[in-house]
Amino acid sequence: LTWELLWMHYTALSLGVSAQGAALTLVGFSVGMGAGSFAAGRWLQRRK
């Protein structure tokens, strides 16, 4: 969660303090979390 806060800071510097910047941070975080969880779950099913 420290990283997520820092990423919001970087996004604010890049896009300005705005709802769009906060939304992009949350979308990037959520999409990455979901994709990583799905990929790792499938991988763990095939390997030990």
All heavy atoms as atom14 arrays in JSON, in Angstrom:
{
  "sequence": "LTWELLWMHYTALSLGVSAQGAALTLVGFSVGMGAGSFAAGRWLQRRK",
  "atom14_mask": [
    [1, 1, 1, 1, 1, 1, 1, 1, 0, 0, 0, 0, 0, 0],
    [1, 1, 1, 1, 1, 1, 1, 0, 0, 0, 0, 0, 0, 0],
    [1, 1, 1, 1, 1, 1, 1, 1, 1, 1, 1, 1, 1, 1],
    [1, 1, 1, 1, 1, 1, 1, 1, 1, 0, 0, 0, 0, 0],
    [1, 1, 1, 1, 1, 1, 1, 1, 0, 0, 0, 0, 0, 0],
    [1, 1, 1, 1, 1, 1, 1, 1, 0, 0, 0, 0, 0, 0],
    [1, 1, 1, 1, 1, 1, 1, 1, 1, 1, 1, 1, 1, 1],
    [1, 1, 1, 1, 1, 1, 1, 1, 0, 0, 0, 0, 0, 0],
    [1, 1, 1, 1, 1, 1, 1, 1, 1, 1, 0, 0, 0, 0],
    [1, 1, 1, 1, 1, 1, 1, 1, 1, 1, 1, 1, 0, 0],
    [1, 1, 1, 1, 1, 1, 1, 0, 0, 0, 0, 0, 0, 0],
    [1, 1, 1, 1, 1, 0, 0, 0, 0, 0, 0, 0, 0, 0],
    [1, 1, 1, 1, 1, 1, 1, 1, 0, 0, 0, 0, 0, 0],
    [1, 1, 1, 1, 1, 1, 0, 0, 0, 0, 0, 0, 0, 0],
    [1, 1, 1, 1, 1, 1, 1, 1, 0, 0, 0, 0, 0, 0],
    [1, 1, 1, 1, 0, 0, 0, 0, 0, 0, 0, 0, 0, 0],
    [1, 1, 1, 1, 1, 1, 1, 0, 0, 0, 0, 0, 0, 0],
    [1, 1, 1, 1, 1, 1, 0, 0, 0, 0, 0, 0, 0, 0],
    [1, 1, 1, 1, 1, 0, 0, 0, 0, 0, 0, 0, 0, 0],
    [1, 1, 1, 1, 1, 1, 1, 1, 1, 0, 0, 0, 0, 0],
    [1, 1, 1, 1, 0, 0, 0, 0, 0, 0, 0, 0, 0, 0],
    [1, 1, 1, 1, 1, 0, 0, 0, 0, 0, 0, 0, 0, 0],
    [1, 1, 1, 1, 1, 0, 0, 0, 0, 0, 0, 0, 0, 0],
    [1, 1, 1, 1, 1, 1, 1, 1, 0, 0, 0, 0, 0, 0],
    [1, 1, 1, 1, 1, 1, 1, 0, 0, 0, 0, 0, 0, 0],
    [1, 1, 1, 1, 1, 1, 1, 1, 0, 0, 0, 0, 0, 0],
    [1, 1, 1, 1, 1, 1, 1, 0, 0, 0, 0, 0, 0, 0],
    [1, 1, 1, 1, 0, 0, 0, 0, 0, 0, 0, 0, 0, 0],
    [1, 1, 1, 1, 1, 1, 1, 1, 1, 1, 1, 0, 0, 0],
    [1, 1, 1, 1, 1, 1, 0, 0, 0, 0, 0, 0, 0, 0],
    [1, 1, 1, 1, 1, 1, 1, 0, 0, 0, 0, 0, 0, 0],
    [1, 1, 1, 1, 0, 0, 0, 0, 0, 0, 0, 0, 0, 0],
    [1, 1, 1, 1, 1, 1, 1, 1, 0, 0, 0, 0, 0, 0],
    [1, 1, 1, 1, 0, 0, 0, 0, 0, 0, 0, 0, 0, 0],
    [1, 1, 1, 1, 1, 0, 0, 0, 0, 0, 0, 0, 0, 0],
    [1, 1, 1, 1, 0, 0, 0, 0, 0, 0, 0, 0, 0, 0],
    [1, 1, 1, 1, 1, 1, 0, 0, 0, 0, 0, 0, 0, 0],
    [1, 1, 1, 1, 1, 1, 1, 1, 1, 1, 1, 0, 0, 0],
    [1, 1, 1, 1, 1, 0, 0, 0, 0, 0, 0, 0, 0, 0],
    [1, 1, 1, 1, 1, 0, 0, 0, 0, 0, 0, 0, 0, 0],
    [1, 1, 1, 1, 0, 0, 0, 0, 0, 0, 0, 0, 0, 0],
    [1, 1, 1, 1, 1, 1, 1, 1, 1, 1, 1, 0, 0, 0],
    [1, 1, 1, 1, 1, 1, 1, 1, 1, 1, 1, 1, 1, 1],
    [1, 1, 1, 1, 1, 1, 1, 1, 0, 0, 0, 0, 0, 0],
    [1, 1, 1, 1, 1, 1, 1, 1, 1, 0, 0, 0, 0, 0],
    [1, 1, 1, 1, 1, 1, 1, 1, 1, 1, 1, 0, 0, 0],
    [1, 1, 1, 1, 1, 1, 1, 1, 1, 1, 1, 0, 0, 0],
    [1, 1, 1, 1, 1, 1, 1, 1, 1, 0, 0, 0, 0, 0]
  ],
  "atom14_positions": [
    [[0.82, -1.21, 0.0], [0.0, 0.0, 0.0], [0.85, 1.26, 0.0], [0.43, 2.32, -0.48], [-0.94, -0.02, 1.19], [-2.39, -0.41, 0.86], [-3.08, 0.66, 0.05], [-2.42, -1.74, 0.08], [0.0, 0.0, 0.0], [0.0, 0.0, 0.0], [0.0, 0.0, 0.0], [0.0, 0.0, 0.0], [0.0, 0.0, 0.0], [0.0, 0.0, 0.0]],
    [[2.07, 1.17, 0.52], [2.99, 2.31, 0.41], [3.28, 2.58, -1.06], [3.3, 3.74, -1.51], [4.3, 2.03, 1.17], [4.0, 1.79, 2.54], [5.24, 3.22, 1.07], [0.0, 0.0, 0.0], [0.0, 0.0, 0.0], [0.0, 0.0, 0.0], [0.0, 0.0, 0.0], [0.0, 0.0, 0.0], [0.0, 0.0, 0.0], [0.0, 0.0, 0.0]],
    [[3.49, 1.5, -1.82], [3.74, 1.67, -3.26], [2.54, 2.31, -3.95], [2.7, 3.19, -4.8], [4.05, 0.32, -3.91], [5.46, -0.14, -3.75], [5.89, -1.33, -3.24], [6.65, 0.57, -4.12], [7.26, -1.4, -3.25], [7.74, -0.25, -3.79], [6.9, 1.83, -4.67], [9.06, 0.15, -4.01], [8.2, 2.21, -4.9], [9.27, 1.38, -4.56]],
    [[1.33, 1.87, -3.61], [0.16, 2.44, -4.28], [0.05, 3.94, -4.02], [-0.28, 4.71, -4.93], [-1.12, 1.73, -3.81], [-2.34, 2.21, -4.59], [-3.61, 1.47, -4.23], [-3.56, 0.58, -3.36], [-4.65, 1.79, -4.81], [0.0, 0.0, 0.0], [0.0, 0.0, 0.0], [0.0, 0.0, 0.0], [0.0, 0.0, 0.0], [0.0, 0.0, 0.0]],
    [[0.34, 4.36, -2.8], [0.31, 5.79, -2.5], [1.37, 6.53, -3.31], [1.12, 7.62, -3.86], [0.54, 6.01, -1.0], [0.54, 7.47, -0.54], [-0.83, 8.09, -0.73], [0.96, 7.56, 0.92], [0.0, 0.0, 0.0], [0.0, 0.0, 0.0], [0.0, 0.0, 0.0], [0.0, 0.0, 0.0], [0.0, 0.0, 0.0], [0.0, 0.0, 0.0]],
    [[2.56, 5.95, -3.42], [3.62, 6.57, -4.19], [3.25, 6.64, -5.68], [3.56, 7.63, -6.36], [4.93, 5.79, -4.0], [5.57, 5.92, -2.62], [6.67, 4.88, -2.44], [6.13, 7.32, -2.4], [0.0, 0.0, 0.0], [0.0, 0.0, 0.0], [0.0, 0.0, 0.0], [0.0, 0.0, 0.0], [0.0, 0.0, 0.0], [0.0, 0.0, 0.0]],
    [[2.59, 5.62, -6.17], [2.18, 5.63, -7.57], [1.16, 6.73, -7.83], [1.17, 7.36, -8.89], [1.61, 4.27, -7.96], [2.63, 3.17, -7.89], [3.99, 3.31, -7.86], [2.39, 1.77, -7.78], [4.6, 2.09, -7.76], [3.64, 1.12, -7.71], [1.24, 0.99, -7.75], [3.78, -0.26, -7.61], [1.36, -0.38, -7.65], [2.61, -1.0, -7.58]],
    [[0.28, 6.96, -6.88], [-0.67, 8.07, -7.04], [0.08, 9.41, -7.09], [-0.31, 10.31, -7.82], [-1.67, 8.05, -5.89], [-2.62, 6.87, -5.9], [-3.97, 6.99, -4.71], [-4.98, 8.25, -5.46], [0.0, 0.0, 0.0], [0.0, 0.0, 0.0], [0.0, 0.0, 0.0], [0.0, 0.0, 0.0], [0.0, 0.0, 0.0], [0.0, 0.0, 0.0]],
    [[1.16, 9.5, -6.32], [1.98, 10.72, -6.35], [2.62, 10.89, -7.73], [2.59, 12.0, -8.3], [3.06, 10.64, -5.28], [4.06, 11.75, -5.34], [3.81, 13.0, -4.8], [5.31, 11.81, -5.87], [4.85, 13.79, -5.01], [5.78, 13.1, -5.65], [0.0, 0.0, 0.0], [0.0, 0.0, 0.0], [0.0, 0.0, 0.0], [0.0, 0.0, 0.0]],
    [[3.2, 9.81, -8.26], [3.83, 9.9, -9.58], [2.79, 10.24, -10.66], [3.08, 11.03, -11.58], [4.49, 8.56, -9.94], [5.81, 8.33, -9.23], [6.05, 7.14, -8.56], [6.81, 9.29, -9.25], [7.26, 6.91, -7.92], [8.02, 9.07, -8.61], [8.24, 7.88, -7.95], [9.44, 7.67, -7.31], [0.0, 0.0, 0.0], [0.0, 0.0, 0.0]],
    [[1.61, 9.64, -10.55], [0.57, 9.93, -11.54], [0.13, 11.38, -11.45], [-0.13, 12.03, -12.47], [-0.65, 9.01, -11.32], [-0.21, 7.65, -11.32], [-1.66, 9.19, -12.43], [0.0, 0.0, 0.0], [0.0, 0.0, 0.0], [0.0, 0.0, 0.0], [0.0, 0.0, 0.0], [0.0, 0.0, 0.0], [0.0, 0.0, 0.0], [0.0, 0.0, 0.0]],
    [[0.05, 11.92, -10.23], [-0.32, 13.33, -10.06], [0.71, 14.24, -10.69], [0.37, 15.26, -11.3], [-0.5, 13.64, -8.57], [0.0, 0.0, 0.0], [0.0, 0.0, 0.0], [0.0, 0.0, 0.0], [0.0, 0.0, 0.0], [0.0, 0.0, 0.0], [0.0, 0.0, 0.0], [0.0, 0.0, 0.0], [0.0, 0.0, 0.0], [0.0, 0.0, 0.0]],
    [[1.99, 13.89, -10.54], [3.04, 14.69, -11.17], [2.97, 14.6, -12.68], [3.27, 15.56, -13.4], [4.42, 14.22, -10.7], [4.78, 14.5, -9.24], [6.16, 13.92, -8.92], [4.76, 15.99, -8.95], [0.0, 0.0, 0.0], [0.0, 0.0, 0.0], [0.0, 0.0, 0.0], [0.0, 0.0, 0.0], [0.0, 0.0, 0.0], [0.0, 0.0, 0.0]],
    [[2.55, 13.44, -13.18], [2.52, 13.23, -14.62], [1.28, 13.83, -15.27], [1.35, 14.41, -16.35], [2.56, 11.72, -14.93], [2.53, 11.48, -16.31], [0.0, 0.0, 0.0], [0.0, 0.0, 0.0], [0.0, 0.0, 0.0], [0.0, 0.0, 0.0], [0.0, 0.0, 0.0], [0.0, 0.0, 0.0], [0.0, 0.0, 0.0], [0.0, 0.0, 0.0]],
    [[0.12, 13.72, -14.59], [-1.14, 14.15, -15.18], [-1.79, 15.31, -14.45], [-2.83, 15.82, -14.9], [-2.13, 12.96, -15.2], [-1.7, 11.73, -15.99], [-2.69, 10.6, -15.77], [-1.58, 12.05, -17.48], [0.0, 0.0, 0.0], [0.0, 0.0, 0.0], [0.0, 0.0, 0.0], [0.0, 0.0, 0.0], [0.0, 0.0, 0.0], [0.0, 0.0, 0.0]],
    [[-1.2, 15.7, -13.33], [-1.82, 16.74, -12.52], [-2.74, 16.12, -11.48], [-3.19, 14.99, -11.62], [0.0, 0.0, 0.0], [0.0, 0.0, 0.0], [0.0, 0.0, 0.0], [0.0, 0.0, 0.0], [0.0, 0.0, 0.0], [0.0, 0.0, 0.0], [0.0, 0.0, 0.0], [0.0, 0.0, 0.0], [0.0, 0.0, 0.0], [0.0, 0.0, 0.0]],
    [[-2.99, 16.86, -10.42], [-3.89, 16.39, -9.36], [-5.32, 16.48, -9.9], [-5.87, 17.58, -10.02], [-3.73, 17.22, -8.08], [-4.69, 16.72, -7.01], [-2.29, 17.15, -7.59], [0.0, 0.0, 0.0], [0.0, 0.0, 0.0], [0.0, 0.0, 0.0], [0.0, 0.0, 0.0], [0.0, 0.0, 0.0], [0.0, 0.0, 0.0], [0.0, 0.0, 0.0]],
    [[-5.89, 15.35, -10.25], [-7.21, 15.35, -10.87], [-7.89, 14.02, -10.63], [-7.26, 13.03, -10.24], [-7.1, 15.61, -12.38], [-6.36, 14.56, -12.99], [0.0, 0.0, 0.0], [0.0, 0.0, 0.0], [0.0, 0.0, 0.0], [0.0, 0.0, 0.0], [0.0, 0.0, 0.0], [0.0, 0.0, 0.0], [0.0, 0.0, 0.0], [0.0, 0.0, 0.0]],
    [[-9.2, 14.0, -10.89], [-9.96, 12.75, -10.79], [-9.46, 11.76, -11.83], [-9.43, 10.55, -11.58], [-11.45, 13.03, -10.98], [0.0, 0.0, 0.0], [0.0, 0.0, 0.0], [0.0, 0.0, 0.0], [0.0, 0.0, 0.0], [0.0, 0.0, 0.0], [0.0, 0.0, 0.0], [0.0, 0.0, 0.0], [0.0, 0.0, 0.0], [0.0, 0.0, 0.0]],
    [[-9.06, 12.27, -13.0], [-8.56, 11.38, -14.05], [-7.28, 10.68, -13.62], [-7.09, 9.49, -13.87], [-8.31, 12.17, -15.35], [-9.57, 12.68, -16.02], [-10.04, 14.01, -15.46], [-9.51, 14.49, -14.46], [-11.03, 14.6, -16.1], [0.0, 0.0, 0.0], [0.0, 0.0, 0.0], [0.0, 0.0, 0.0], [0.0, 0.0, 0.0], [0.0, 0.0, 0.0]],
    [[-6.38, 11.44, -12.96], [-5.13, 10.83, -12.5], [-5.38, 9.77, -11.46], [-4.79, 8.68, -11.49], [0.0, 0.0, 0.0], [0.0, 0.0, 0.0], [0.0, 0.0, 0.0], [0.0, 0.0, 0.0], [0.0, 0.0, 0.0], [0.0, 0.0, 0.0], [0.0, 0.0, 0.0], [0.0, 0.0, 0.0], [0.0, 0.0, 0.0], [0.0, 0.0, 0.0]],
    [[-6.28, 10.06, -10.51], [-6.61, 9.07, -9.48], [-7.26, 7.84, -10.09], [-6.98, 6.7, -9.7], [-7.53, 9.7, -8.43], [0.0, 0.0, 0.0], [0.0, 0.0, 0.0], [0.0, 0.0, 0.0], [0.0, 0.0, 0.0], [0.0, 0.0, 0.0], [0.0, 0.0, 0.0], [0.0, 0.0, 0.0], [0.0, 0.0, 0.0], [0.0, 0.0, 0.0]],
    [[-8.13, 8.07, -11.08], [-8.81, 6.96, -11.73], [-7.82, 6.07, -12.47], [-7.9, 4.83, -12.41], [-9.87, 7.48, -12.7], [0.0, 0.0, 0.0], [0.0, 0.0, 0.0], [0.0, 0.0, 0.0], [0.0, 0.0, 0.0], [0.0, 0.0, 0.0], [0.0, 0.0, 0.0], [0.0, 0.0, 0.0], [0.0, 0.0, 0.0], [0.0, 0.0, 0.0]],
    [[-6.86, 6.69, -13.18], [-5.86, 5.9, -13.89], [-5.02, 5.07, -12.94], [-4.69, 3.91, -13.23], [-4.95, 6.82, -14.71], [-5.45, 7.23, -16.1], [-4.48, 8.19, -16.74], [-5.65, 6.01, -16.99], [0.0, 0.0, 0.0], [0.0, 0.0, 0.0], [0.0, 0.0, 0.0], [0.0, 0.0, 0.0], [0.0, 0.0, 0.0], [0.0, 0.0, 0.0]],
    [[-4.68, 5.64, -11.79], [-3.91, 4.89, -10.8], [-4.68, 3.67, -10.32], [-4.15, 2.55, -10.26], [-3.56, 5.77, -9.59], [-2.86, 6.93, -10.04], [-2.71, 5.02, -8.59], [0.0, 0.0, 0.0], [0.0, 0.0, 0.0], [0.0, 0.0, 0.0], [0.0, 0.0, 0.0], [0.0, 0.0, 0.0], [0.0, 0.0, 0.0], [0.0, 0.0, 0.0]],
    [[-5.96, 3.86, -9.99], [-6.77, 2.76, -9.5], [-7.02, 1.72, -10.58], [-7.0, 0.51, -10.3], [-8.11, 3.3, -8.97], [-8.01, 4.18, -7.72], [-9.38, 4.76, -7.37], [-7.48, 3.37, -6.55], [0.0, 0.0, 0.0], [0.0, 0.0, 0.0], [0.0, 0.0, 0.0], [0.0, 0.0, 0.0], [0.0, 0.0, 0.0], [0.0, 0.0, 0.0]],
    [[-7.23, 2.17, -11.81], [-7.45, 1.22, -12.91], [-6.18, 0.4, -13.17], [-6.23, -0.82, -13.31], [-7.88, 1.96, -14.19], [-7.85, 1.01, -15.4], [-9.29, 2.52, -14.02], [0.0, 0.0, 0.0], [0.0, 0.0, 0.0], [0.0, 0.0, 0.0], [0.0, 0.0, 0.0], [0.0, 0.0, 0.0], [0.0, 0.0, 0.0], [0.0, 0.0, 0.0]],
    [[-5.03, 1.08, -13.23], [-3.78, 0.37, -13.46], [-3.49, -0.63, -12.36], [-3.08, -1.77, -12.62], [0.0, 0.0, 0.0], [0.0, 0.0, 0.0], [0.0, 0.0, 0.0], [0.0, 0.0, 0.0], [0.0, 0.0, 0.0], [0.0, 0.0, 0.0], [0.0, 0.0, 0.0], [0.0, 0.0, 0.0], [0.0, 0.0, 0.0], [0.0, 0.0, 0.0]],
    [[-3.73, -0.21, -11.12], [-3.51, -1.1, -9.98], [-4.45, -2.29, -10.03], [-4.04, -3.44, -9.85], [-3.71, -0.31, -8.69], [-3.4, -1.07, -7.44], [-2.09, -1.32, -7.06], [-4.42, -1.54, -6.63], [-1.8, -2.03, -5.9], [-4.14, -2.24, -5.47], [-2.82, -2.49, -5.1], [0.0, 0.0, 0.0], [0.0, 0.0, 0.0], [0.0, 0.0, 0.0]],
    [[-5.73, -2.03, -10.29], [-6.73, -3.1, -10.29], [-6.52, -4.07, -11.45], [-6.6, -5.3, -11.27], [-8.14, -2.5, -10.36], [-8.39, -1.65, -9.26], [0.0, 0.0, 0.0], [0.0, 0.0, 0.0], [0.0, 0.0, 0.0], [0.0, 0.0, 0.0], [0.0, 0.0, 0.0], [0.0, 0.0, 0.0], [0.0, 0.0, 0.0], [0.0, 0.0, 0.0]],
    [[-6.26, -3.54, -12.63], [-6.03, -4.4, -13.79], [-4.79, -5.26, -13.58], [-4.79, -6.47, -13.86], [-5.9, -3.56, -15.08], [-5.39, -4.42, -16.23], [-7.24, -2.94, -15.44], [0.0, 0.0, 0.0], [0.0, 0.0, 0.0], [0.0, 0.0, 0.0], [0.0, 0.0, 0.0], [0.0, 0.0, 0.0], [0.0, 0.0, 0.0], [0.0, 0.0, 0.0]],
    [[-3.73, -4.65, -13.09], [-2.51, -5.42, -12.84], [-2.72, -6.48, -11.79], [-2.28, -7.63, -11.96], [0.0, 0.0, 0.0], [0.0, 0.0, 0.0], [0.0, 0.0, 0.0], [0.0, 0.0, 0.0], [0.0, 0.0, 0.0], [0.0, 0.0, 0.0], [0.0, 0.0, 0.0], [0.0, 0.0, 0.0], [0.0, 0.0, 0.0], [0.0, 0.0, 0.0]],
    [[-3.4, -6.14, -10.69], [-3.67, -7.12, -9.64], [-4.48, -8.29, -10.18], [-4.18, -9.46, -9.92], [-4.42, -6.45, -8.49], [-3.61, -5.51, -7.64], [-2.59, -6.35, -6.41], [-3.84, -6.94, -5.28], [0.0, 0.0, 0.0], [0.0, 0.0, 0.0], [0.0, 0.0, 0.0], [0.0, 0.0, 0.0], [0.0, 0.0, 0.0], [0.0, 0.0, 0.0]],
    [[-5.54, -7.98, -10.94], [-6.39, -9.03, -11.48], [-5.65, -9.92, -12.46], [-5.75, -11.16, -12.4], [0.0, 0.0, 0.0], [0.0, 0.0, 0.0], [0.0, 0.0, 0.0], [0.0, 0.0, 0.0], [0.0, 0.0, 0.0], [0.0, 0.0, 0.0], [0.0, 0.0, 0.0], [0.0, 0.0, 0.0], [0.0, 0.0, 0.0], [0.0, 0.0, 0.0]],
    [[-4.89, -9.31, -13.36], [-4.14, -10.1, -14.36], [-3.08, -10.96, -13.69], [-2.9, -12.13, -14.04], [-3.49, -9.16, -15.38], [0.0, 0.0, 0.0], [0.0, 0.0, 0.0], [0.0, 0.0, 0.0], [0.0, 0.0, 0.0], [0.0, 0.0, 0.0], [0.0, 0.0, 0.0], [0.0, 0.0, 0.0], [0.0, 0.0, 0.0], [0.0, 0.0, 0.0]],
    [[-2.37, -10.39, -12.72], [-1.34, -11.16, -12.03], [-1.92, -12.31, -11.24], [-1.36, -13.42, -11.24], [0.0, 0.0, 0.0], [0.0, 0.0, 0.0], [0.0, 0.0, 0.0], [0.0, 0.0, 0.0], [0.0, 0.0, 0.0], [0.0, 0.0, 0.0], [0.0, 0.0, 0.0], [0.0, 0.0, 0.0], [0.0, 0.0, 0.0], [0.0, 0.0, 0.0]],
    [[-3.04, -12.08, -10.57], [-3.68, -13.13, -9.8], [-4.16, -14.26, -10.7], [-3.97, -15.45, -10.42], [-4.85, -12.56, -9.0], [-5.51, -13.56, -8.27], [0.0, 0.0, 0.0], [0.0, 0.0, 0.0], [0.0, 0.0, 0.0], [0.0, 0.0, 0.0], [0.0, 0.0, 0.0], [0.0, 0.0, 0.0], [0.0, 0.0, 0.0], [0.0, 0.0, 0.0]],
    [[-4.78, -13.89, -11.82], [-5.28, -14.9, -12.76], [-4.14, -15.72, -13.35], [-4.19, -16.96, -13.38], [-6.07, -14.22, -13.88], [-6.55, -15.16, -14.94], [-7.66, -15.96, -14.72], [-5.89, -15.24, -16.17], [-8.1, -16.83, -15.71], [-6.33, -16.11, -17.15], [-7.44, -16.91, -16.93], [0.0, 0.0, 0.0], [0.0, 0.0, 0.0], [0.0, 0.0, 0.0]],
    [[-3.11, -15.03, -13.82], [-1.99, -15.74, -14.46], [-1.27, -16.65, -13.46], [-0.93, -17.8, -13.79], [-1.01, -14.73, -15.05], [0.0, 0.0, 0.0], [0.0, 0.0, 0.0], [0.0, 0.0, 0.0], [0.0, 0.0, 0.0], [0.0, 0.0, 0.0], [0.0, 0.0, 0.0], [0.0, 0.0, 0.0], [0.0, 0.0, 0.0], [0.0, 0.0, 0.0]],
    [[-1.04, -16.15, -12.26], [-0.35, -16.97, -11.26], [-1.2, -18.16, -10.84], [-0.69, -19.27, -10.62], [0.0, -16.12, -10.04], [0.0, 0.0, 0.0], [0.0, 0.0, 0.0], [0.0, 0.0, 0.0], [0.0, 0.0, 0.0], [0.0, 0.0, 0.0], [0.0, 0.0, 0.0], [0.0, 0.0, 0.0], [0.0, 0.0, 0.0], [0.0, 0.0, 0.0]],
    [[-2.51, -17.95, -10.72], [-3.39, -19.05, -10.35], [-3.38, -20.16, -11.39], [-3.31, -21.36, -11.04], [0.0, 0.0, 0.0], [0.0, 0.0, 0.0], [0.0, 0.0, 0.0], [0.0, 0.0, 0.0], [0.0, 0.0, 0.0], [0.0, 0.0, 0.0], [0.0, 0.0, 0.0], [0.0, 0.0, 0.0], [0.0, 0.0, 0.0], [0.0, 0.0, 0.0]],
    [[-3.43, -19.78, -12.66], [-3.37, -20.79, -13.73], [-2.03, -21.51, -13.73], [-1.94, -22.72, -13.94], [-3.61, -20.12, -15.08], [-5.0, -19.56, -15.28], [-6.04, -20.67, -15.36], [-5.79, -21.52, -16.51], [-6.29, -21.32, -17.72], [-7.07, -20.26, -17.94], [-6.04, -22.15, -18.71], [0.0, 0.0, 0.0], [0.0, 0.0, 0.0], [0.0, 0.0, 0.0]],
    [[-0.95, -20.75, -13.5], [0.39, -21.34, -13.5], [0.56, -22.33, -12.36], [1.14, -23.41, -12.52], [1.42, -20.22, -13.41], [2.84, -20.69, -13.47], [3.51, -21.17, -14.57], [3.78, -20.72, -12.38], [4.8, -21.49, -14.23], [5.0, -21.23, -12.91], [3.71, -20.36, -11.04], [6.13, -21.38, -12.12], [4.84, -20.51, -10.26], [6.03, -21.03, -10.79]],
    [[0.04, -21.98, -11.19], [0.17, -22.86, -10.03], [-0.66, -24.14, -10.18], [-0.35, -25.16, -9.57], [-0.26, -22.12, -8.75], [0.68, -21.03, -8.26], [0.06, -20.27, -7.1], [2.02, -21.63, -7.84], [0.0, 0.0, 0.0], [0.0, 0.0, 0.0], [0.0, 0.0, 0.0], [0.0, 0.0, 0.0], [0.0, 0.0, 0.0], [0.0, 0.0, 0.0]],
    [[-1.71, -24.09, -10.99], [-2.5, -25.29, -11.25], [-1.73, -26.31, -12.06], [-1.94, -27.52, -11.92], [-3.8, -24.93, -11.97], [-4.81, -24.2, -11.1], [-6.04, -23.81, -11.88], [-6.11, -23.96, -13.12], [-7.05, -23.29, -11.19], [0.0, 0.0, 0.0], [0.0, 0.0, 0.0], [0.0, 0.0, 0.0], [0.0, 0.0, 0.0], [0.0, 0.0, 0.0]],
    [[-0.82, -25.83, -12.9], [-0.06, -26.73, -13.79], [1.27, -27.16, -13.19], [1.84, -28.15, -13.63], [0.19, -26.05, -15.13], [-1.07, -25.71, -15.91], [-0.75, -25.31, -17.33], [0.12, -24.15, -17.39], [-0.3, -22.91, -17.48], [-1.62, -22.66, -17.49], [0.54, -21.9, -17.54], [0.0, 0.0, 0.0], [0.0, 0.0, 0.0], [0.0, 0.0, 0.0]],
    [[1.77, -26.42, -12.19], [3.09, -26.71, -11.63], [3.02, -26.82, -10.12], [2.06, -26.38, -9.5], [4.09, -25.63, -12.03], [4.3, -25.5, -13.54], [5.24, -24.35, -13.85], [5.44, -24.19, -15.26], [6.4, -24.79, -15.97], [7.25, -25.6, -15.34], [6.53, -24.59, -17.26], [0.0, 0.0, 0.0], [0.0, 0.0, 0.0], [0.0, 0.0, 0.0]],
    [[4.04, -27.4, -9.54], [4.15, -27.51, -8.09], [5.49, -26.9, -7.66], [6.41, -27.61, -7.27], [4.07, -28.97, -7.65], [2.78, -29.66, -8.04], [1.57, -29.01, -7.34], [0.28, -29.71, -7.74], [-0.9, -29.04, -7.14], [0.0, 0.0, 0.0], [0.0, 0.0, 0.0], [0.0, 0.0, 0.0], [0.0, 0.0, 0.0], [0.0, 0.0, 0.0]]
  ]
}
